[in-house]
Structures are given as C-alpha cells and as structure tokens.
Amino acid sequence: MVGLKPTYGRVSRYGLVAFASSLDQAGVITRSAEDAALLLGVMAGFDKRDSTSIDHPVPDYLAGLGESLRGLRVGIVRQHFDEGLDERCAAAVR
C-alpha cells in the first residue's frame, strides 16, 4: 500500500470540504508507487477555481520512480520520539 499527500497547491482543493485549509489536500492510497504516480499525474495541475492551486508544469511522476535516492536527506523531528510512542513504530522510522 502507498499513501501520498501532495504538496500544498499541487492538487486542487476545489470541491473538498474545508476542515483545516492549509492541511486539506486530496491524496491517494494505492496498491503501488506506480499507481500513485499515475494518479498524481492526472490529479495535479493548475485549477483557476482554487486560489491556492499553483500554476507550475506537472512532472512525469512515473518516469521519476526509477531515479536514485542517493543524496536524499530526510528530516525527523526528535520531539516526536518522546514518551508514549510505541517502540516498534520508533524503530521502524529510525
């Protein structure tokens, strides 16, 4: 299973029920990264009905799946690893 929450502005929020405007995004849950890339490619793009939608070209997400992750840096907020966090969850993230 692959879950994807797009970057703010990448996918139109037009038609969504607003709960927390800066957090409301239409994402996908799919069976594979390929399916998620295909869906994001269709969903992404400028929408004049959404003032937060960005007018930027939509990359070929499917083509990007084969790119190396070498050099990628991932930030982890240390404060989220405090008392009460299930140790199995913490170990999986680390």
PDB file of N, CA and C in Angstrom:
ATOM      1  N   MET A   1       0.839  -1.180   0.000  1.00  0.00           N
ATOM      2  CA  MET A   1       0.000   0.000   0.000  1.00  0.00           C
ATOM      3  C   MET A   1       0.889   1.250   0.000  1.00  0.00           C
ATOM      4  N   VAL A   2       0.473   2.232  -0.757  1.00  0.00           N
ATOM      5  CA  VAL A   2       1.189   3.503  -0.846  1.00  0.00           C
ATOM      6  C   VAL A   2       0.198   4.631  -0.603  1.00  0.00           C
ATOM      7  N   GLY A   3       0.526   5.487   0.351  1.00  0.00           N
ATOM      8  CA  GLY A   3      -0.278   6.670   0.600  1.00  0.00           C
ATOM      9  C   GLY A   3       0.515   7.897   0.184  1.00  0.00           C
ATOM     10  N   LEU A   4      -0.172   8.872  -0.396  1.00  0.00           N
ATOM     11  CA  LEU A   4       0.506  10.061  -0.888  1.00  0.00           C
ATOM     12  C   LEU A   4      -0.307  11.297  -0.541  1.00  0.00           C
ATOM     13  N   LYS A   5       0.329  12.236   0.148  1.00  0.00           N
ATOM     14  CA  LYS A   5      -0.277  13.533   0.414  1.00  0.00           C
ATOM     15  C   LYS A   5       0.502  14.553  -0.413  1.00  0.00           C
ATOM     16  N   PRO A   6      -0.106  15.095  -1.455  1.00  0.00           N
ATOM     17  CA  PRO A   6       0.613  16.027  -2.334  1.00  0.00           C
ATOM     18  C   PRO A   6       1.028  17.310  -1.621  1.00  0.00           C
ATOM     19  N   THR A   7       2.030  17.953  -2.153  1.00  0.00           N
ATOM     20  CA  THR A   7       2.472  19.253  -1.675  1.00  0.00           C
ATOM     21  C   THR A   7       1.328  20.249  -1.819  1.00  0.00           C
ATOM     22  N   TYR A   8       1.218  21.138  -0.858  1.00  0.00           N
ATOM     23  CA  TYR A   8       0.169  22.166  -0.862  1.00  0.00           C
ATOM     24  C   TYR A   8       0.193  22.934  -2.176  1.00  0.00           C
ATOM     25  N   GLY A   9      -0.936  22.984  -2.849  1.00  0.00           N
ATOM     26  CA  GLY A   9      -1.050  23.723  -4.095  1.00  0.00           C
ATOM     27  C   GLY A   9      -0.879  22.881  -5.339  1.00  0.00           C
ATOM     28  N   ARG A  10      -0.334  21.682  -5.217  1.00  0.00           N
ATOM     29  CA  ARG A  10      -0.079  20.820  -6.378  1.00  0.00           C
ATOM     30  C   ARG A  10      -1.375  20.248  -6.946  1.00  0.00           C
ATOM     31  N   VAL A  11      -2.328  19.912  -6.052  1.00  0.00           N
ATOM     32  CA  VAL A  11      -3.619  19.352  -6.457  1.00  0.00           C
ATOM     33  C   VAL A  11      -4.720  20.299  -5.975  1.00  0.00           C
ATOM     34  N   SER A  12      -5.661  20.572  -6.829  1.00  0.00           N
ATOM     35  CA  SER A  12      -6.752  21.486  -6.492  1.00  0.00           C
ATOM     36  C   SER A  12      -7.548  20.967  -5.291  1.00  0.00           C
ATOM     37  N   ARG A  13      -7.949  21.915  -4.453  1.00  0.00           N
ATOM     38  CA  ARG A  13      -8.820  21.589  -3.320  1.00  0.00           C
ATOM     39  C   ARG A  13     -10.270  21.931  -3.636  1.00  0.00           C
ATOM     40  N   TYR A  14     -10.536  22.342  -4.865  1.00  0.00           N
ATOM     41  CA  TYR A  14     -11.890  22.705  -5.261  1.00  0.00           C
ATOM     42  C   TYR A  14     -12.822  21.512  -5.052  1.00  0.00           C
ATOM     43  N   GLY A  15     -13.902  21.745  -4.316  1.00  0.00           N
ATOM     44  CA  GLY A  15     -14.876  20.690  -4.066  1.00  0.00           C
ATOM     45  C   GLY A  15     -14.662  19.941  -2.768  1.00  0.00           C
ATOM     46  N   LEU A  16     -13.513  20.138  -2.112  1.00  0.00           N
ATOM     47  CA  LEU A  16     -13.275  19.482  -0.832  1.00  0.00           C
ATOM     48  C   LEU A  16     -14.022  20.213   0.277  1.00  0.00           C
ATOM     49  N   VAL A  17     -14.399  19.488   1.306  1.00  0.00           N
ATOM     50  CA  VAL A  17     -14.988  20.102   2.487  1.00  0.00           C
ATOM     51  C   VAL A  17     -13.836  20.614   3.335  1.00  0.00           C
ATOM     52  N   ALA A  18     -13.826  21.911   3.628  1.00  0.00           N
ATOM     53  CA  ALA A  18     -12.711  22.513   4.361  1.00  0.00           C
ATOM     54  C   ALA A  18     -12.801  22.197   5.847  1.00  0.00           C
ATOM     55  N   PHE A  19     -11.776  21.561   6.363  1.00  0.00           N
ATOM     56  CA  PHE A  19     -11.666  21.315   7.796  1.00  0.00           C
ATOM     57  C   PHE A  19     -10.537  22.159   8.380  1.00  0.00           C
ATOM     58  N   ALA A  20      -9.400  22.163   7.720  1.00  0.00           N
ATOM     59  CA  ALA A  20      -8.240  22.968   8.127  1.00  0.00           C
ATOM     60  C   ALA A  20      -7.546  23.346   6.828  1.00  0.00           C
ATOM     61  N   SER A  21      -7.831  24.525   6.322  1.00  0.00           N
ATOM     62  CA  SER A  21      -7.496  24.862   4.935  1.00  0.00           C
ATOM     63  C   SER A  21      -6.064  24.577   4.520  1.00  0.00           C
ATOM     64  N   SER A  22      -5.087  24.791   5.391  1.00  0.00           N
ATOM     65  CA  SER A  22      -3.708  24.540   4.966  1.00  0.00           C
ATOM     66  C   SER A  22      -3.358  23.059   5.003  1.00  0.00           C
ATOM     67  N   LEU A  23      -4.217  22.234   5.571  1.00  0.00           N
ATOM     68  CA  LEU A  23      -3.964  20.790   5.631  1.00  0.00           C
ATOM     69  C   LEU A  23      -4.840  19.996   4.680  1.00  0.00           C
ATOM     70  N   ASP A  24      -5.872  20.616   4.131  1.00  0.00           N
ATOM     71  CA  ASP A  24      -6.800  19.908   3.257  1.00  0.00           C
ATOM     72  C   ASP A  24      -6.187  19.687   1.885  1.00  0.00           C
ATOM     73  N   GLN A  25      -5.899  18.445   1.578  1.00  0.00           N
ATOM     74  CA  GLN A  25      -5.422  18.077   0.259  1.00  0.00           C
ATOM     75  C   GLN A  25      -6.055  16.762  -0.151  1.00  0.00           C
ATOM     76  N   ALA A  26      -6.251  16.601  -1.436  1.00  0.00           N
ATOM     77  CA  ALA A  26      -6.759  15.337  -1.962  1.00  0.00           C
ATOM     78  C   ALA A  26      -5.551  14.469  -2.276  1.00  0.00           C
ATOM     79  N   GLY A  27      -5.412  13.391  -1.548  1.00  0.00           N
ATOM     80  CA  GLY A  27      -4.321  12.454  -1.790  1.00  0.00           C
ATOM     81  C   GLY A  27      -4.870  11.125  -2.240  1.00  0.00           C
ATOM     82  N   VAL A  28      -3.994  10.158  -2.354  1.00  0.00           N
ATOM     83  CA  VAL A  28      -4.406   8.836  -2.822  1.00  0.00           C
ATOM     84  C   VAL A  28      -3.837   7.750  -1.928  1.00  0.00           C
ATOM     85  N   ILE A  29      -4.517   6.626  -1.912  1.00  0.00           N
ATOM     86  CA  ILE A  29      -3.996   5.396  -1.331  1.00  0.00           C
ATOM     87  C   ILE A  29      -4.109   4.356  -2.433  1.00  0.00           C
ATOM     88  N   THR A  30      -2.977   3.760  -2.786  1.00  0.00           N
ATOM     89  CA  THR A  30      -2.943   2.830  -3.913  1.00  0.00           C
ATOM     90  C   THR A  30      -2.218   1.546  -3.526  1.00  0.00           C
ATOM     91  N   ARG A  31      -2.204   0.618  -4.433  1.00  0.00           N
ATOM     92  CA  ARG A  31      -1.515  -0.654  -4.203  1.00  0.00           C
ATOM     93  C   ARG A  31      -0.023  -0.580  -4.525  1.00  0.00           C
ATOM     94  N   SER A  32       0.395   0.436  -5.290  1.00  0.00           N
ATOM     95  CA  SER A  32       1.806   0.516  -5.683  1.00  0.00           C
ATOM     96  C   SER A  32       2.225   1.962  -5.903  1.00  0.00           C
ATOM     97  N   ALA A  33       3.534   2.176  -5.910  1.00  0.00           N
ATOM     98  CA  ALA A  33       4.073   3.510  -6.206  1.00  0.00           C
ATOM     99  C   ALA A  33       3.730   3.911  -7.633  1.00  0.00           C
ATOM    100  N   GLU A  34       3.700   2.946  -8.534  1.00  0.00           N
ATOM    101  CA  GLU A  34       3.355   3.243  -9.930  1.00  0.00           C
ATOM    102  C   GLU A  34       1.931   3.780 -10.027  1.00  0.00           C
ATOM    103  N   ASP A  35       0.999   3.141  -9.313  1.00  0.00           N
ATOM    104  CA  ASP A  35      -0.387   3.612  -9.332  1.00  0.00           C
ATOM    105  C   ASP A  35      -0.495   5.019  -8.738  1.00  0.00           C
ATOM    106  N   ALA A  36       0.242   5.269  -7.645  1.00  0.00           N
ATOM    107  CA  ALA A  36       0.215   6.593  -7.019  1.00  0.00           C
ATOM    108  C   ALA A  36       0.767   7.644  -7.973  1.00  0.00           C
ATOM    109  N   ALA A  37       1.837   7.319  -8.681  1.00  0.00           N
ATOM    110  CA  ALA A  37       2.427   8.257  -9.642  1.00  0.00           C
ATOM    111  C   ALA A  37       1.459   8.550 -10.787  1.00  0.00           C
ATOM    112  N   LEU A  38       0.791   7.531 -11.273  1.00  0.00           N
ATOM    113  CA  LEU A  38      -0.174   7.739 -12.357  1.00  0.00           C
ATOM    114  C   LEU A  38      -1.329   8.632 -11.906  1.00  0.00           C
ATOM    115  N   LEU A  39      -1.865   8.361 -10.725  1.00  0.00           N
ATOM    116  CA  LEU A  39      -2.974   9.167 -10.230  1.00  0.00           C
ATOM    117  C   LEU A  39      -2.567  10.607  -9.954  1.00  0.00           C
ATOM    118  N   LEU A  40      -1.399  10.802  -9.350  1.00  0.00           N
ATOM    119  CA  LEU A  40      -0.950  12.166  -9.083  1.00  0.00           C
ATOM    120  C   LEU A  40      -0.757  12.930 -10.388  1.00  0.00           C
ATOM    121  N   GLY A  41      -0.256  12.256 -11.405  1.00  0.00           N
ATOM    122  CA  GLY A  41      -0.091  12.904 -12.703  1.00  0.00           C
ATOM    123  C   GLY A  41      -1.400  13.400 -13.283  1.00  0.00           C
ATOM    124  N   VAL A  42      -2.483  12.681 -13.016  1.00  0.00           N
ATOM    125  CA  VAL A  42      -3.803  13.074 -13.509  1.00  0.00           C
ATOM    126  C   VAL A  42      -4.419  14.156 -12.625  1.00  0.00           C
ATOM    127  N   MET A  43      -4.214  14.057 -11.327  1.00  0.00           N
ATOM    128  CA  MET A  43      -4.832  14.990 -10.378  1.00  0.00           C
ATOM    129  C   MET A  43      -4.129  16.344 -10.323  1.00  0.00           C
ATOM    130  N   ALA A  44      -2.836  16.363 -10.542  1.00  0.00           N
ATOM    131  CA  ALA A  44      -2.034  17.574 -10.362  1.00  0.00           C
ATOM    132  C   ALA A  44      -2.283  18.578 -11.488  1.00  0.00           C
ATOM    133  N   GLY A  45      -2.052  19.826 -11.158  1.00  0.00           N
ATOM    134  CA  GLY A  45      -2.158  20.868 -12.173  1.00  0.00           C
ATOM    135  C   GLY A  45      -2.948  22.066 -11.675  1.00  0.00           C
ATOM    136  N   PHE A  46      -2.826  23.145 -12.394  1.00  0.00           N
ATOM    137  CA  PHE A  46      -3.469  24.406 -12.028  1.00  0.00           C
ATOM    138  C   PHE A  46      -4.977  24.314 -12.179  1.00  0.00           C
ATOM    139  N   ASP A  47      -5.681  24.926 -11.235  1.00  0.00           N
ATOM    140  CA  ASP A  47      -7.142  24.998 -11.280  1.00  0.00           C
ATOM    141  C   ASP A  47      -7.547  26.425 -10.919  1.00  0.00           C
ATOM    142  N   LYS A  48      -8.105  27.154 -11.867  1.00  0.00           N
ATOM    143  CA  LYS A  48      -8.483  28.548 -11.633  1.00  0.00           C
ATOM    144  C   LYS A  48      -9.569  28.689 -10.566  1.00  0.00           C
ATOM    145  N   ARG A  49     -10.253  27.582 -10.226  1.00  0.00           N
ATOM    146  CA  ARG A  49     -11.297  27.635  -9.192  1.00  0.00           C
ATOM    147  C   ARG A  49     -10.717  27.537  -7.782  1.00  0.00           C
ATOM    148  N   ASP A  50      -9.409  27.279  -7.667  1.00  0.00           N
ATOM    149  CA  ASP A  50      -8.748  27.162  -6.362  1.00  0.00           C
ATOM    150  C   ASP A  50      -7.627  28.189  -6.305  1.00  0.00           C
ATOM    151  N   SER A  51      -7.779  29.205  -5.462  1.00  0.00           N
ATOM    152  CA  SER A  51      -6.785  30.280  -5.386  1.00  0.00           C
ATOM    153  C   SER A  51      -5.443  29.805  -4.828  1.00  0.00           C
ATOM    154  N   THR A  52      -5.394  28.632  -4.229  1.00  0.00           N
ATOM    155  CA  THR A  52      -4.126  28.111  -3.700  1.00  0.00           C
ATOM    156  C   THR A  52      -3.446  27.151  -4.674  1.00  0.00           C
ATOM    157  N   SER A  53      -4.072  26.891  -5.797  1.00  0.00           N
ATOM    158  CA  SER A  53      -3.509  25.992  -6.806  1.00  0.00           C
ATOM    159  C   SER A  53      -2.338  26.685  -7.507  1.00  0.00           C
ATOM    160  N   ILE A  54      -1.228  25.971  -7.662  1.00  0.00           N
ATOM    161  CA  ILE A  54      -0.054  26.587  -8.299  1.00  0.00           C
ATOM    162  C   ILE A  54      -0.029  26.299  -9.802  1.00  0.00           C
ATOM    163  N   ASP A  55       0.418  27.274 -10.539  1.00  0.00           N
ATOM    164  CA  ASP A  55       0.488  27.167 -11.998  1.00  0.00           C
ATOM    165  C   ASP A  55       1.916  26.795 -12.395  1.00  0.00           C
ATOM    166  N   HIS A  56       2.261  25.539 -12.164  1.00  0.00           N
ATOM    167  CA  HIS A  56       3.583  25.010 -12.499  1.00  0.00           C
ATOM    168  C   HIS A  56       3.400  23.773 -13.361  1.00  0.00           C
ATOM    169  N   PRO A  57       4.365  23.484 -14.237  1.00  0.00           N
ATOM    170  CA  PRO A  57       4.258  22.263 -15.040  1.00  0.00           C
ATOM    171  C   PRO A  57       4.191  21.024 -14.138  1.00  0.00           C
ATOM    172  N   VAL A  58       3.446  20.025 -14.588  1.00  0.00           N
ATOM    173  CA  VAL A  58       3.325  18.769 -13.846  1.00  0.00           C
ATOM    174  C   VAL A  58       4.387  17.809 -14.366  1.00  0.00           C
ATOM    175  N   PRO A  59       5.294  17.371 -13.484  1.00  0.00           N
ATOM    176  CA  PRO A  59       6.329  16.444 -13.942  1.00  0.00           C
ATOM    177  C   PRO A  59       5.756  15.063 -14.279  1.00  0.00           C
ATOM    178  N   ASP A  60       6.537  14.266 -14.952  1.00  0.00           N
ATOM    179  CA  ASP A  60       6.173  12.879 -15.228  1.00  0.00           C
ATOM    180  C   ASP A  60       6.579  12.063 -14.005  1.00  0.00           C
ATOM    181  N   TYR A  61       5.660  11.914 -13.068  1.00  0.00           N
ATOM    182  CA  TYR A  61       5.963  11.231 -11.810  1.00  0.00           C
ATOM    183  C   TYR A  61       6.335   9.772 -12.042  1.00  0.00           C
ATOM    184  N   LEU A  62       5.721   9.150 -13.016  1.00  0.00           N
ATOM    185  CA  LEU A  62       6.012   7.745 -13.301  1.00  0.00           C
ATOM    186  C   LEU A  62       7.464   7.579 -13.757  1.00  0.00           C
ATOM    187  N   ALA A  63       7.948   8.490 -14.586  1.00  0.00           N
ATOM    188  CA  ALA A  63       9.331   8.423 -15.059  1.00  0.00           C
ATOM    189  C   ALA A  63      10.311   8.636 -13.919  1.00  0.00           C
ATOM    190  N   GLY A  64       9.908   9.397 -12.908  1.00  0.00           N
ATOM    191  CA  GLY A  64      10.789   9.680 -11.785  1.00  0.00           C
ATOM    192  C   GLY A  64      10.964   8.527 -10.811  1.00  0.00           C
ATOM    193  N   LEU A  65      10.149   7.490 -10.924  1.00  0.00           N
ATOM    194  CA  LEU A  65      10.235   6.380  -9.978  1.00  0.00           C
ATOM    195  C   LEU A  65      11.566   5.641 -10.053  1.00  0.00           C
ATOM    196  N   GLY A  66      12.215   5.649 -11.194  1.00  0.00           N
ATOM    197  CA  GLY A  66      13.473   4.939 -11.346  1.00  0.00           C
ATOM    198  C   GLY A  66      14.690   5.730 -10.904  1.00  0.00           C
ATOM    199  N   GLU A  67      14.503   6.977 -10.496  1.00  0.00           N
ATOM    200  CA  GLU A  67      15.631   7.815 -10.107  1.00  0.00           C
ATOM    201  C   GLU A  67      16.229   7.361  -8.777  1.00  0.00           C
ATOM    202  N   SER A  68      17.520   7.568  -8.643  1.00  0.00           N
ATOM    203  CA  SER A  68      18.231   7.181  -7.427  1.00  0.00           C
ATOM    204  C   SER A  68      17.835   8.069  -6.255  1.00  0.00           C
ATOM    205  N   LEU A  69      17.844   7.488  -5.072  1.00  0.00           N
ATOM    206  CA  LEU A  69      17.591   8.247  -3.853  1.00  0.00           C
ATOM    207  C   LEU A  69      18.899   8.670  -3.190  1.00  0.00           C
ATOM    208  N   ARG A  70      20.018   8.373  -3.826  1.00  0.00           N
ATOM    209  CA  ARG A  70      21.329   8.730  -3.283  1.00  0.00           C
ATOM    210  C   ARG A  70      21.392  10.232  -3.045  1.00  0.00           C
ATOM    211  N   GLY A  71      21.797  10.599  -1.855  1.00  0.00           N
ATOM    212  CA  GLY A  71      21.923  12.001  -1.501  1.00  0.00           C
ATOM    213  C   GLY A  71      20.656  12.609  -0.909  1.00  0.00           C
ATOM    214  N   LEU A  72      19.549  11.852  -0.925  1.00  0.00           N
ATOM    215  CA  LEU A  72      18.307  12.354  -0.350  1.00  0.00           C
ATOM    216  C   LEU A  72      18.452  12.482   1.157  1.00  0.00           C
ATOM    217  N   ARG A  73      18.017  13.591   1.703  1.00  0.00           N
ATOM    218  CA  ARG A  73      18.051  13.804   3.153  1.00  0.00           C
ATOM    219  C   ARG A  73      16.623  13.855   3.660  1.00  0.00           C
ATOM    220  N   VAL A  74      16.383  13.144   4.742  1.00  0.00           N
ATOM    221  CA  VAL A  74      15.064  13.101   5.349  1.00  0.00           C
ATOM    222  C   VAL A  74      15.180  13.658   6.755  1.00  0.00           C
ATOM    223  N   GLY A  75      14.341  14.623   7.072  1.00  0.00           N
ATOM    224  CA  GLY A  75      14.349  15.205   8.410  1.00  0.00           C
ATOM    225  C   GLY A  75      13.385  14.477   9.328  1.00  0.00           C
ATOM    226  N   ILE A  76      13.815  14.242  10.543  1.00  0.00           N
ATOM    227  CA  ILE A  76      12.976  13.608  11.552  1.00  0.00           C
ATOM    228  C   ILE A  76      12.935  14.531  12.764  1.00  0.00           C
ATOM    229  N   VAL A  77      11.739  14.863  13.213  1.00  0.00           N
ATOM    230  CA  VAL A  77      11.570  15.752  14.359  1.00  0.00           C
ATOM    231  C   VAL A  77      11.777  14.946  15.635  1.00  0.00           C
ATOM    232  N   ARG A  78      12.844  15.248  16.352  1.00  0.00           N
ATOM    233  CA  ARG A  78      13.194  14.487  17.561  1.00  0.00           C
ATOM    234  C   ARG A  78      12.102  14.526  18.624  1.00  0.00           C
ATOM    235  N   GLN A  79      11.399  15.650  18.705  1.00  0.00           N
ATOM    236  CA  GLN A  79      10.373  15.809  19.735  1.00  0.00           C
ATOM    237  C   GLN A  79       9.224  14.801  19.595  1.00  0.00           C
ATOM    238  N   HIS A  80       9.086  14.196  18.425  1.00  0.00           N
ATOM    239  CA  HIS A  80       8.021  13.206  18.233  1.00  0.00           C
ATOM    240  C   HIS A  80       8.406  11.833  18.786  1.00  0.00           C
ATOM    241  N   PHE A  81       9.653  11.680  19.206  1.00  0.00           N
ATOM    242  CA  PHE A  81      10.131  10.403  19.729  1.00  0.00           C
ATOM    243  C   PHE A  81      10.206  10.463  21.250  1.00  0.00           C
ATOM    244  N   ASP A  82       9.122  10.889  21.875  1.00  0.00           N
ATOM    245  CA  ASP A  82       9.121  11.021  23.326  1.00  0.00           C
ATOM    246  C   ASP A  82       8.310   9.898  23.968  1.00  0.00           C
ATOM    247  N   GLU A  83       8.094  10.024  25.244  1.00  0.00           N
ATOM    248  CA  GLU A  83       7.351   9.018  25.999  1.00  0.00           C
ATOM    249  C   GLU A  83       5.956   8.834  25.402  1.00  0.00           C
ATOM    250  N   GLY A  84       5.542   7.613  25.298  1.00  0.00           N
ATOM    251  CA  GLY A  84       4.223   7.309  24.760  1.00  0.00           C
ATOM    252  C   GLY A  84       4.261   6.789  23.341  1.00  0.00           C
ATOM    253  N   LEU A  85       5.378   6.992  22.644  1.00  0.00           N
ATOM    254  CA  LEU A  85       5.500   6.478  21.284  1.00  0.00           C
ATOM    255  C   LEU A  85       5.799   4.983  21.346  1.00  0.00           C
ATOM    256  N   ASP A  86       5.047   4.212  20.619  1.00  0.00           N
ATOM    257  CA  ASP A  86       5.275   2.774  20.557  1.00  0.00           C
ATOM    258  C   ASP A  86       6.689   2.512  20.020  1.00  0.00           C
ATOM    259  N   GLU A  87       7.459   1.723  20.723  1.00  0.00           N
ATOM    260  CA  GLU A  87       8.867   1.487  20.346  1.00  0.00           C
ATOM    261  C   GLU A  87       8.995   0.813  18.987  1.00  0.00           C
ATOM    262  N   ARG A  88       8.039  -0.022  18.622  1.00  0.00           N
ATOM    263  CA  ARG A  88       8.091  -0.651  17.286  1.00  0.00           C
ATOM    264  C   ARG A  88       7.939   0.392  16.187  1.00  0.00           C
ATOM    265  N   CYS A  89       7.086   1.369  16.433  1.00  0.00           N
ATOM    266  CA  CYS A  89       6.912   2.463  15.478  1.00  0.00           C
ATOM    267  C   CYS A  89       8.200   3.282  15.367  1.00  0.00           C
ATOM    268  N   ALA A  90       8.778   3.621  16.511  1.00  0.00           N
ATOM    269  CA  ALA A  90      10.030   4.387  16.527  1.00  0.00           C
ATOM    270  C   ALA A  90      11.130   3.630  15.802  1.00  0.00           C
ATOM    271  N   ALA A  91      11.236   2.333  16.044  1.00  0.00           N
ATOM    272  CA  ALA A  91      12.272   1.523  15.385  1.00  0.00           C
ATOM    273  C   ALA A  91      12.069   1.471  13.882  1.00  0.00           C
ATOM    274  N   ALA A  92      10.823   1.379  13.446  1.00  0.00           N
ATOM    275  CA  ALA A  92      10.548   1.339  12.011  1.00  0.00           C
ATOM    276  C   ALA A  92      10.956   2.645  11.333  1.00  0.00           C
ATOM    277  N   VAL A  93      10.713   3.779  11.990  1.00  0.00           N
ATOM    278  CA  VAL A  93      11.068   5.075  11.407  1.00  0.00           C
ATOM    279  C   VAL A  93      12.584   5.243  11.386  1.00  0.00           C
ATOM    280  N   ARG A  94      13.232   4.869  12.480  1.00  0.00           N
ATOM    281  CA  ARG A  94      14.699   5.009  12.544  1.00  0.00           C
ATOM    282  C   ARG A  94      15.366   4.096  11.543  1.00  0.00           C
TER     283      ARG A  94
END
